[in-house]
Amino acid sequence: MTDRPLPFFVYGTLRTGQRNHSHFLGGRCVRIEPAVLAGATLHEGPGYPYVVTDPDLGKQVHGELITVRPDEFAQVLAALDELEGCRPDGTGLYLRLPLPVTVAADPAAAHSERVTAWVYLAGRDQAARLRAHPAPIASGDWTGGR
């Protein structure tokens, strides 16, 4: 796992106004924008959500693109990896991958900006469990559509 200074795509407890945002990201962000991850399904944890990649590109997850201050990036990355139970060998609760997301600031815009961001996906065991026993959030939005 690499630690390139990319923005983070967050979709659950790290979103603005949710229980982990202030503790882990408060005062450390230079930009927070609405964003969408395509080709993924959002599942209820319980207690917190998981994202599983989905070959149906029509599926999408709504969240925020968080750009962290450069001088805070390494500290925030380490804290988020620990929070998410992300292990370098891929056996943790979550797996962190760089994926393309679309900034959704203005749905009426003629074109949208796609950027690569760190996304915490369901780890191997959690993804297998969710594929076997799905708990999808149909709206793709954990904060507004549960």
C-alpha atoms as a PDB file:
ATOM      1  CA  MET A   1       0.000   0.000   0.000  1.00  0.00           C
ATOM      2  CA  THR A   2       1.356   3.382  -0.954  1.00  0.00           C
ATOM      3  CA  ASP A   3       0.774   6.697   0.739  1.00  0.00           C
ATOM      4  CA  ARG A   4       0.515   9.128  -2.181  1.00  0.00           C
ATOM      5  CA  PRO A   5      -1.043  12.426  -1.068  1.00  0.00           C
ATOM      6  CA  LEU A   6      -4.414  12.004  -2.762  1.00  0.00           C
ATOM      7  CA  PRO A   7      -7.735  13.371  -1.538  1.00  0.00           C
ATOM      8  CA  PHE A   8     -10.043  10.969   0.312  1.00  0.00           C
ATOM      9  CA  PHE A   9     -13.513   9.923  -0.828  1.00  0.00           C
ATOM     10  CA  VAL A  10     -15.597   9.457   2.337  1.00  0.00           C
ATOM     11  CA  TYR A  11     -19.140   8.106   2.418  1.00  0.00           C
ATOM     12  CA  GLY A  12     -20.030   7.295   6.040  1.00  0.00           C
ATOM     13  CA  THR A  13     -18.951   8.360   9.517  1.00  0.00           C
ATOM     14  CA  LEU A  14     -16.181  10.609   8.131  1.00  0.00           C
ATOM     15  CA  ARG A  15     -18.585  12.825   6.169  1.00  0.00           C
ATOM     16  CA  THR A  16     -19.293  16.353   7.358  1.00  0.00           C
ATOM     17  CA  GLY A  17     -21.621  16.262  10.372  1.00  0.00           C
ATOM     18  CA  GLN A  18     -21.079  12.562  11.080  1.00  0.00           C
ATOM     19  CA  ARG A  19     -19.552  11.164  14.266  1.00  0.00           C
ATOM     20  CA  ASN A  20     -15.932  10.725  13.099  1.00  0.00           C
ATOM     21  CA  HIS A  21     -15.555  13.822  10.922  1.00  0.00           C
ATOM     22  CA  SER A  22     -14.582  16.358  13.595  1.00  0.00           C
ATOM     23  CA  HIS A  23     -12.179  14.054  15.430  1.00  0.00           C
ATOM     24  CA  PHE A  24     -10.252  12.848  12.379  1.00  0.00           C
ATOM     25  CA  LEU A  25     -10.706  15.626   9.805  1.00  0.00           C
ATOM     26  CA  GLY A  26     -11.823  18.763  11.655  1.00  0.00           C
ATOM     27  CA  GLY A  27      -9.483  21.683  10.927  1.00  0.00           C
ATOM     28  CA  ARG A  28      -7.319  19.527   8.643  1.00  0.00           C
ATOM     29  CA  CYS A  29      -9.154  20.023   5.341  1.00  0.00           C
ATOM     30  CA  VAL A  30      -8.540  22.588   2.633  1.00  0.00           C
ATOM     31  CA  ARG A  31     -11.530  21.497   0.548  1.00  0.00           C
ATOM     32  CA  ILE A  32     -14.670  19.383   0.954  1.00  0.00           C
ATOM     33  CA  GLU A  33     -16.790  18.755  -2.153  1.00  0.00           C
ATOM     34  CA  PRO A  34     -19.750  16.499  -2.934  1.00  0.00           C
ATOM     35  CA  ALA A  35     -18.580  13.541  -5.018  1.00  0.00           C
ATOM     36  CA  VAL A  36     -19.742  10.239  -6.479  1.00  0.00           C
ATOM     37  CA  LEU A  37     -18.013   6.867  -6.825  1.00  0.00           C
ATOM     38  CA  ALA A  38     -19.382   4.903  -9.808  1.00  0.00           C
ATOM     39  CA  GLY A  39     -19.373   1.131 -10.157  1.00  0.00           C
ATOM     40  CA  ALA A  40     -19.864   0.499  -6.453  1.00  0.00           C
ATOM     41  CA  THR A  41     -22.638  -0.461  -4.047  1.00  0.00           C
ATOM     42  CA  LEU A  42     -23.051   0.945  -0.547  1.00  0.00           C
ATOM     43  CA  HIS A  43     -23.983  -1.558   2.191  1.00  0.00           C
ATOM     44  CA  GLU A  44     -25.073  -1.110   5.810  1.00  0.00           C
ATOM     45  CA  GLY A  45     -22.382  -2.393   8.184  1.00  0.00           C
ATOM     46  CA  PRO A  46     -24.259  -2.461  10.703  1.00  0.00           C
ATOM     47  CA  GLY A  47     -23.287   0.736  12.495  1.00  0.00           C
ATOM     48  CA  TYR A  48     -21.230   2.056   9.623  1.00  0.00           C
ATOM     49  CA  PRO A  49     -21.225   1.480   5.879  1.00  0.00           C
ATOM     50  CA  TYR A  50     -19.085  -0.557   3.523  1.00  0.00           C
ATOM     51  CA  VAL A  51     -18.529  -0.052  -0.197  1.00  0.00           C
ATOM     52  CA  VAL A  52     -18.172  -3.054  -2.494  1.00  0.00           C
ATOM     53  CA  THR A  53     -17.165  -2.655  -6.126  1.00  0.00           C
ATOM     54  CA  ASP A  54     -19.944  -3.580  -8.533  1.00  0.00           C
ATOM     55  CA  PRO A  55     -19.623  -4.344 -12.254  1.00  0.00           C
ATOM     56  CA  ASP A  56     -22.850  -2.369 -12.820  1.00  0.00           C
ATOM     57  CA  LEU A  57     -21.446   1.061 -13.640  1.00  0.00           C
ATOM     58  CA  GLY A  58     -24.930   2.480 -13.086  1.00  0.00           C
ATOM     59  CA  LYS A  59     -24.517   1.860  -9.352  1.00  0.00           C
ATOM     60  CA  GLN A  60     -22.966   4.712  -7.413  1.00  0.00           C
ATOM     61  CA  VAL A  61     -22.066   5.837  -3.930  1.00  0.00           C
ATOM     62  CA  HIS A  62     -22.548   9.438  -2.810  1.00  0.00           C
ATOM     63  CA  GLY A  63     -20.033  11.030  -0.486  1.00  0.00           C
ATOM     64  CA  GLU A  64     -17.497  13.807  -0.150  1.00  0.00           C
ATOM     65  CA  LEU A  65     -14.100  14.414  -1.666  1.00  0.00           C
ATOM     66  CA  ILE A  66     -11.889  15.585   1.189  1.00  0.00           C
ATOM     67  CA  THR A  67      -8.602  17.322   0.425  1.00  0.00           C
ATOM     68  CA  VAL A  68      -6.406  17.364   3.524  1.00  0.00           C
ATOM     69  CA  ARG A  69      -3.802  20.053   4.211  1.00  0.00           C
ATOM     70  CA  PRO A  70      -0.443  18.811   2.867  1.00  0.00           C
ATOM     71  CA  ASP A  71       1.284  19.204   6.250  1.00  0.00           C
ATOM     72  CA  GLU A  72      -1.427  17.016   7.867  1.00  0.00           C
ATOM     73  CA  PHE A  73      -1.669  14.310   5.198  1.00  0.00           C
ATOM     74  CA  ALA A  74       0.655  11.651   6.672  1.00  0.00           C
ATOM     75  CA  GLN A  75      -0.907  11.969  10.131  1.00  0.00           C
ATOM     76  CA  VAL A  76      -4.474  11.855   8.768  1.00  0.00           C
ATOM     77  CA  LEU A  77      -3.680   8.879   6.525  1.00  0.00           C
ATOM     78  CA  ALA A  78      -2.243   6.888   9.439  1.00  0.00           C
ATOM     79  CA  ALA A  79      -5.213   7.766  11.668  1.00  0.00           C
ATOM     80  CA  LEU A  80      -7.770   6.832   8.990  1.00  0.00           C
ATOM     81  CA  ASP A  81      -6.000   3.551   8.208  1.00  0.00           C
ATOM     82  CA  GLU A  82      -6.163   2.698  11.908  1.00  0.00           C
ATOM     83  CA  LEU A  83      -9.815   3.766  12.221  1.00  0.00           C
ATOM     84  CA  GLU A  84     -10.779   1.688   9.187  1.00  0.00           C
ATOM     85  CA  GLY A  85      -8.782  -1.365  10.275  1.00  0.00           C
ATOM     86  CA  CYS A  86      -6.843  -1.120   7.024  1.00  0.00           C
ATOM     87  CA  ARG A  87      -3.855  -3.490   6.870  1.00  0.00           C
ATOM     88  CA  PRO A  88      -1.080  -3.463   4.254  1.00  0.00           C
ATOM     89  CA  ASP A  89      -1.702  -7.165   3.496  1.00  0.00           C
ATOM     90  CA  GLY A  90      -5.369  -6.503   2.636  1.00  0.00           C
ATOM     91  CA  THR A  91      -6.830  -8.609   5.461  1.00  0.00           C
ATOM     92  CA  GLY A  92      -8.387  -5.768   7.461  1.00  0.00           C
ATOM     93  CA  LEU A  93     -11.966  -4.530   7.735  1.00  0.00           C
ATOM     94  CA  TYR A  94     -11.305  -2.133   4.876  1.00  0.00           C
ATOM     95  CA  LEU A  95      -8.935  -1.963   1.939  1.00  0.00           C
ATOM     96  CA  ARG A  96      -7.654   1.443   0.785  1.00  0.00           C
ATOM     97  CA  LEU A  97      -7.389   1.857  -2.990  1.00  0.00           C
ATOM     98  CA  PRO A  98      -6.899   4.809  -5.357  1.00  0.00           C
ATOM     99  CA  LEU A  99     -10.062   5.027  -7.475  1.00  0.00           C
ATOM    100  CA  PRO A 100     -11.604   7.588  -9.824  1.00  0.00           C
ATOM    101  CA  VAL A 101     -14.413   9.671  -8.333  1.00  0.00           C
ATOM    102  CA  THR A 102     -16.494  12.417  -9.881  1.00  0.00           C
ATOM    103  CA  VAL A 103     -16.815  15.781  -8.179  1.00  0.00           C
ATOM    104  CA  ALA A 104     -20.528  16.539  -8.066  1.00  0.00           C
ATOM    105  CA  ALA A 105     -20.520  20.205  -7.119  1.00  0.00           C
ATOM    106  CA  ASP A 106     -23.030  21.213  -9.797  1.00  0.00           C
ATOM    107  CA  PRO A 107     -25.229  18.508 -11.334  1.00  0.00           C
ATOM    108  CA  ALA A 108     -26.231  20.924 -14.128  1.00  0.00           C
ATOM    109  CA  ALA A 109     -22.628  21.527 -15.212  1.00  0.00           C
ATOM    110  CA  ALA A 110     -21.748  20.637 -18.801  1.00  0.00           C
ATOM    111  CA  HIS A 111     -18.832  18.495 -17.688  1.00  0.00           C
ATOM    112  CA  SER A 112     -17.707  17.119 -14.377  1.00  0.00           C
ATOM    113  CA  GLU A 113     -14.255  16.716 -12.896  1.00  0.00           C
ATOM    114  CA  ARG A 114     -12.918  13.210 -12.286  1.00  0.00           C
ATOM    115  CA  VAL A 115     -10.098  12.823  -9.802  1.00  0.00           C
ATOM    116  CA  THR A 116      -8.271   9.913  -8.227  1.00  0.00           C
ATOM    117  CA  ALA A 117      -8.926   9.603  -4.504  1.00  0.00           C
ATOM    118  CA  TRP A 118      -8.253   7.178  -1.693  1.00  0.00           C
ATOM    119  CA  VAL A 119     -11.362   5.072  -1.101  1.00  0.00           C
ATOM    120  CA  TYR A 120     -11.818   2.633   1.781  1.00  0.00           C
ATOM    121  CA  LEU A 121     -13.588  -0.424   0.339  1.00  0.00           C
ATOM    122  CA  ALA A 122     -14.883  -3.425   2.257  1.00  0.00           C
ATOM    123  CA  GLY A 123     -11.981  -5.767   2.989  1.00  0.00           C
ATOM    124  CA  ARG A 124     -11.844  -9.231   1.451  1.00  0.00           C
ATOM    125  CA  ASP A 125     -13.866 -11.039   4.150  1.00  0.00           C
ATOM    126  CA  GLN A 126     -16.435  -8.248   4.525  1.00  0.00           C
ATOM    127  CA  ALA A 127     -16.902  -8.006   0.751  1.00  0.00           C
ATOM    128  CA  ALA A 128     -17.484 -11.772   0.510  1.00  0.00           C
ATOM    129  CA  ARG A 129     -20.027 -11.595   3.360  1.00  0.00           C
ATOM    130  CA  LEU A 130     -21.855  -8.666   1.767  1.00  0.00           C
ATOM    131  CA  ARG A 131     -21.964 -10.344  -1.632  1.00  0.00           C
ATOM    132  CA  ALA A 132     -23.401 -13.499  -0.008  1.00  0.00           C
ATOM    133  CA  HIS A 133     -25.829 -11.593   2.266  1.00  0.00           C
ATOM    134  CA  PRO A 134     -26.293  -8.121   0.756  1.00  0.00           C
ATOM    135  CA  ALA A 135     -27.458  -5.167   2.830  1.00  0.00           C
ATOM    136  CA  PRO A 136     -27.521  -2.496   0.112  1.00  0.00           C
ATOM    137  CA  ILE A 137     -28.489   1.097   0.696  1.00  0.00           C
ATOM    138  CA  ALA A 138     -30.495   1.680  -2.483  1.00  0.00           C
ATOM    139  CA  SER A 139     -29.921   5.439  -2.615  1.00  0.00           C
ATOM    140  CA  GLY A 140     -26.140   5.030  -2.377  1.00  0.00           C
ATOM    141  CA  ASP A 141     -26.161   7.748   0.301  1.00  0.00           C
ATOM    142  CA  TRP A 142     -25.524   6.652   3.899  1.00  0.00           C
ATOM    143  CA  THR A 143     -26.345  10.033   5.425  1.00  0.00           C
ATOM    144  CA  GLY A 144     -29.548  10.680   3.535  1.00  0.00           C
ATOM    145  CA  GLY A 145     -30.967   7.480   2.249  1.00  0.00           C
ATOM    146  CA  ARG A 146     -30.971   4.836   4.958  1.00  0.00           C
END
